[in-house]
Amino acid sequence: MLSAAINYPRESDHVLKTVLIGGVLSLLSVLIIPAFILGGYGIRVLRHTTLGDDELPQFDDWGKLAVDGLKGFAIAIGYFLVPIILFGLSIAALSGTLQTVGIIVSTIAYLAAIYSLPAATTVFAREERIGAAFTTNNLRPILTSRRYVGGWLRALVVSFAAGLIMGVIGLVPILGAIAGVFIGFYMNLVISHLFGHAVADAGRLAVPHEEQPVTRPVA
């Protein structure tokens, strides 16, 4: 699975065009809108993967990409808002043992958000409803699936490797930093592919929610 994910972008006949566009948008992400377009493209990769399409999607319909990226950003805020508030309250309003407990609780909430957010974003990508990213019935079977745990750990390995490679390349002045941005975009495609497959393999997104068979009681 890991080797297939690493080769996933490379097997497309438009990989150079996609990485070029993604890298340029990454360089321009300080302008905000390019960052939303990038996020939307990552969501498109998740959507295609959960539908069983392992072809790298095209960079088109940029308006929809930006909107999806904005929705993905809103979902991320929803997941990290609680741990941020808990941490802020612990620092500002508590002291001593209560502050320590508050920091521990907020840290646990933060780690839970890191673990859950990829699944939530993938569910949103598949069903195209923000509410689906916060629906317990959608998320519980995924988050407790060994397939998702395995995919999450593989994505963590890829993230660590990408950070290491970008750090080494970044030692080269200017050109190294620019090259690292393009490598980072490529590795994000790999990570999105891993999460898309992990969620799809969990069995919840094989068919759209409204098309799933209904079990009727036997009379």
Protein backbone atom coordinates (compact mmCIF):
# COMPACT_ATOMS: atom_id res chain seq x y z
CA MET A 1 0.00 0.00 0.00
CA LEU A 2 2.78 2.45 0.89
CA SER A 3 4.78 1.86 -2.29
CA ALA A 4 1.61 2.10 -4.39
CA ALA A 5 0.72 5.41 -2.74
CA ILE A 6 4.22 6.83 -3.32
CA ASN A 7 3.98 5.90 -7.01
CA TYR A 8 0.35 7.09 -7.30
CA PRO A 9 1.07 10.60 -8.66
CA ARG A 10 3.97 9.40 -10.84
CA GLU A 11 1.76 6.93 -12.72
CA SER A 12 -0.41 9.73 -14.11
CA ASP A 13 0.32 11.09 -17.57
CA HIS A 14 -0.17 14.65 -16.28
CA VAL A 15 1.88 14.41 -13.09
CA LEU A 16 4.42 17.05 -14.17
CA LYS A 17 1.68 19.55 -14.98
CA THR A 18 -0.11 18.83 -11.69
CA VAL A 19 3.02 19.10 -9.54
CA LEU A 20 4.03 22.29 -11.35
CA ILE A 21 0.63 23.90 -10.69
CA GLY A 22 0.55 22.64 -7.12
CA GLY A 23 4.07 23.87 -6.41
CA VAL A 24 3.37 27.34 -7.80
CA LEU A 25 0.15 27.57 -5.78
CA SER A 26 2.11 26.49 -2.70
CA LEU A 27 4.57 29.32 -3.26
CA LEU A 28 1.62 31.72 -3.58
CA SER A 29 -0.31 30.32 -0.62
CA VAL A 30 0.47 33.41 1.46
CA LEU A 31 -2.18 35.10 -0.70
CA ILE A 32 -4.80 32.86 1.01
CA ILE A 33 -6.91 31.97 -2.05
CA PRO A 34 -4.18 29.72 -3.56
CA ALA A 35 -4.07 27.91 -0.20
CA PHE A 36 -7.81 27.20 -0.42
CA ILE A 37 -7.39 25.95 -4.00
CA LEU A 38 -4.64 23.60 -2.82
CA GLY A 39 -6.85 22.35 0.00
CA GLY A 40 -9.68 21.80 -2.45
CA TYR A 41 -7.44 19.78 -4.73
CA GLY A 42 -6.40 17.58 -1.82
CA ILE A 43 -10.09 16.99 -1.10
CA ARG A 44 -10.62 16.11 -4.76
CA VAL A 45 -7.87 13.48 -4.47
CA LEU A 46 -9.63 12.07 -1.39
CA ARG A 47 -12.96 12.00 -3.26
CA HIS A 48 -11.55 10.21 -6.30
CA THR A 49 -9.70 7.69 -4.14
CA THR A 50 -12.72 6.78 -2.03
CA LEU A 51 -14.68 6.23 -5.25
CA GLY A 52 -12.05 3.75 -6.40
CA ASP A 53 -10.50 6.05 -9.00
CA ASP A 54 -6.70 5.84 -8.69
CA GLU A 55 -6.06 8.29 -11.54
CA LEU A 56 -4.67 11.63 -10.41
CA PRO A 57 -7.49 14.17 -10.89
CA GLN A 58 -7.12 17.23 -13.09
CA PHE A 59 -6.55 20.73 -11.77
CA ASP A 60 -9.76 22.22 -13.19
CA ASP A 61 -12.92 23.97 -11.97
CA TRP A 62 -10.81 26.14 -9.68
CA GLY A 63 -13.85 27.85 -8.22
CA LYS A 64 -15.10 24.55 -6.79
CA LEU A 65 -11.60 23.73 -5.56
CA ALA A 66 -11.48 27.01 -3.65
CA VAL A 67 -14.93 26.44 -2.13
CA ASP A 68 -14.06 22.87 -1.10
CA GLY A 69 -10.79 24.13 0.38
CA LEU A 70 -12.67 26.74 2.39
CA LYS A 71 -15.06 24.05 3.65
CA GLY A 72 -12.14 21.84 4.58
CA PHE A 73 -10.63 24.74 6.51
CA ALA A 74 -13.92 25.22 8.36
CA ILE A 75 -13.95 21.52 9.29
CA ALA A 76 -10.40 21.80 10.63
CA ILE A 77 -11.40 24.80 12.74
CA GLY A 78 -14.34 22.81 14.10
CA TYR A 79 -12.02 20.00 15.20
CA PHE A 80 -9.27 22.12 16.73
CA LEU A 81 -11.46 24.79 18.33
CA VAL A 82 -12.18 22.75 21.47
CA PRO A 83 -8.55 21.87 22.33
CA ILE A 84 -7.46 25.45 21.62
CA ILE A 85 -10.16 26.85 23.93
CA LEU A 86 -9.36 24.30 26.62
CA PHE A 87 -5.66 25.14 26.47
CA GLY A 88 -6.33 28.88 26.55
CA LEU A 89 -8.63 28.56 29.55
CA SER A 90 -6.10 26.35 31.33
CA ILE A 91 -3.34 28.93 30.91
CA ALA A 92 -5.45 32.03 31.59
CA ALA A 93 -7.94 30.97 34.23
CA LEU A 94 -6.44 28.05 36.15
CA SER A 95 -3.43 27.49 38.35
CA GLY A 96 -1.59 24.72 40.13
CA THR A 97 -2.98 21.21 39.80
CA LEU A 98 -6.10 22.33 37.92
CA GLN A 99 -3.95 24.04 35.31
CA THR A 100 -1.88 20.89 34.85
CA VAL A 101 -5.03 18.79 34.45
CA GLY A 102 -6.43 21.32 31.99
CA ILE A 103 -3.27 21.24 29.87
CA ILE A 104 -3.29 17.43 29.86
CA VAL A 105 -6.96 17.32 28.82
CA SER A 106 -6.42 19.90 26.07
CA THR A 107 -3.38 17.96 24.81
CA ILE A 108 -5.43 14.75 24.62
CA ALA A 109 -8.18 16.64 22.77
CA TYR A 110 -5.57 18.04 20.37
CA LEU A 111 -4.15 14.59 19.62
CA ALA A 112 -7.67 13.24 19.11
CA ALA A 113 -8.33 16.02 16.59
CA ILE A 114 -5.11 15.19 14.72
CA TYR A 115 -6.17 11.54 14.52
CA SER A 116 -9.79 12.22 13.55
CA LEU A 117 -9.50 15.13 11.11
CA PRO A 118 -8.24 13.14 8.09
CA ALA A 119 -11.17 10.74 8.41
CA ALA A 120 -13.62 13.60 8.84
CA THR A 121 -12.25 15.43 5.80
CA THR A 122 -12.42 12.27 3.72
CA VAL A 123 -16.03 11.68 4.74
CA PHE A 124 -16.82 15.24 3.70
CA ALA A 125 -14.98 14.72 0.40
CA ARG A 126 -17.05 11.62 -0.36
CA GLU A 127 -20.47 12.86 0.72
CA GLU A 128 -19.90 16.57 -0.05
CA ARG A 129 -21.68 17.69 3.13
CA ILE A 130 -19.88 19.50 5.94
CA GLY A 131 -22.24 17.93 8.48
CA ALA A 132 -21.04 14.46 7.45
CA ALA A 133 -17.60 15.32 8.85
CA PHE A 134 -19.12 15.65 12.33
CA THR A 135 -21.56 12.71 12.23
CA THR A 136 -20.67 10.05 14.77
CA ASN A 137 -22.33 7.25 12.80
CA ASN A 138 -20.06 8.04 9.85
CA LEU A 139 -16.86 8.37 11.84
CA ARG A 140 -16.98 5.74 14.59
CA PRO A 141 -16.51 2.67 12.32
CA ILE A 142 -13.67 4.41 10.51
CA LEU A 143 -11.76 5.67 13.53
CA THR A 144 -11.92 2.26 15.21
CA SER A 145 -10.90 0.36 12.06
CA ARG A 146 -7.46 -1.24 11.88
CA ARG A 147 -7.34 -0.21 8.22
CA TYR A 148 -7.62 3.44 9.20
CA VAL A 149 -5.06 3.11 11.98
CA GLY A 150 -2.65 1.51 9.51
CA GLY A 151 -3.28 4.20 6.89
CA TRP A 152 -2.85 6.95 9.48
CA LEU A 153 0.49 5.49 10.62
CA ARG A 154 1.71 5.14 7.03
CA ALA A 155 0.75 8.75 6.39
CA LEU A 156 2.72 9.74 9.51
CA VAL A 157 5.79 7.93 8.16
CA VAL A 158 5.44 9.71 4.81
CA SER A 159 5.04 13.07 6.57
CA PHE A 160 8.18 12.46 8.62
CA ALA A 161 10.16 11.36 5.55
CA ALA A 162 8.92 14.37 3.55
CA GLY A 163 9.93 16.74 6.35
CA LEU A 164 13.38 15.15 6.52
CA ILE A 165 13.90 15.37 2.74
CA MET A 166 12.65 18.96 2.59
CA GLY A 167 14.91 19.87 5.51
CA VAL A 168 18.00 18.48 3.78
CA ILE A 169 17.14 20.05 0.42
CA GLY A 170 16.34 23.32 2.17
CA LEU A 171 20.00 23.60 3.16
CA VAL A 172 20.67 24.67 -0.42
CA PRO A 173 20.02 28.43 -0.53
CA ILE A 174 16.90 29.60 -2.41
CA LEU A 175 16.70 26.78 -4.98
CA GLY A 176 16.57 24.16 -2.26
CA ALA A 177 13.68 25.89 -0.54
CA ILE A 178 11.78 26.20 -3.83
CA ALA A 179 12.40 22.55 -4.74
CA GLY A 180 11.25 21.53 -1.27
CA VAL A 181 7.86 23.18 -1.87
CA PHE A 182 7.27 21.06 -4.98
CA ILE A 183 8.39 17.90 -3.18
CA GLY A 184 6.08 18.77 -0.30
CA PHE A 185 3.13 19.07 -2.68
CA TYR A 186 3.94 15.68 -4.22
CA MET A 187 4.10 14.06 -0.79
CA ASN A 188 0.77 15.64 0.17
CA LEU A 189 -0.76 13.85 -2.82
CA VAL A 190 0.67 10.60 -1.48
CA ILE A 191 -0.75 11.29 1.99
CA SER A 192 -4.21 12.15 0.61
CA HIS A 193 -4.17 8.92 -1.39
CA LEU A 194 -3.27 6.93 1.72
CA PHE A 195 -6.11 8.44 3.75
CA GLY A 196 -8.60 8.01 0.92
CA HIS A 197 -7.83 4.30 0.68
CA ALA A 198 -7.78 3.86 4.45
CA VAL A 199 -11.28 5.31 4.81
CA ALA A 200 -12.63 3.47 1.78
CA ASP A 201 -11.19 0.20 3.08
CA ALA A 202 -12.96 0.78 6.39
CA GLY A 203 -16.11 -0.02 4.42
CA ARG A 204 -18.20 3.05 5.18
CA LEU A 205 -17.80 4.87 1.90
CA ALA A 206 -18.10 2.06 -0.61
CA VAL A 207 -21.43 3.55 -1.71
CA PRO A 208 -23.05 6.91 -1.00
CA HIS A 209 -24.93 7.07 2.30
CA GLU A 210 -28.33 7.45 0.66
CA GLU A 211 -27.70 4.39 -1.54
CA GLN A 212 -26.72 2.03 1.23
CA PRO A 213 -29.12 -0.89 1.59
CA VAL A 214 -31.68 -0.68 4.35
CA THR A 215 -32.10 -3.72 6.55
CA ARG A 216 -35.78 -4.36 7.18
CA PRO A 217 -37.02 -6.42 10.15
CA VAL A 218 -38.44 -9.84 9.40
CA ALA A 219 -42.19 -9.92 9.96
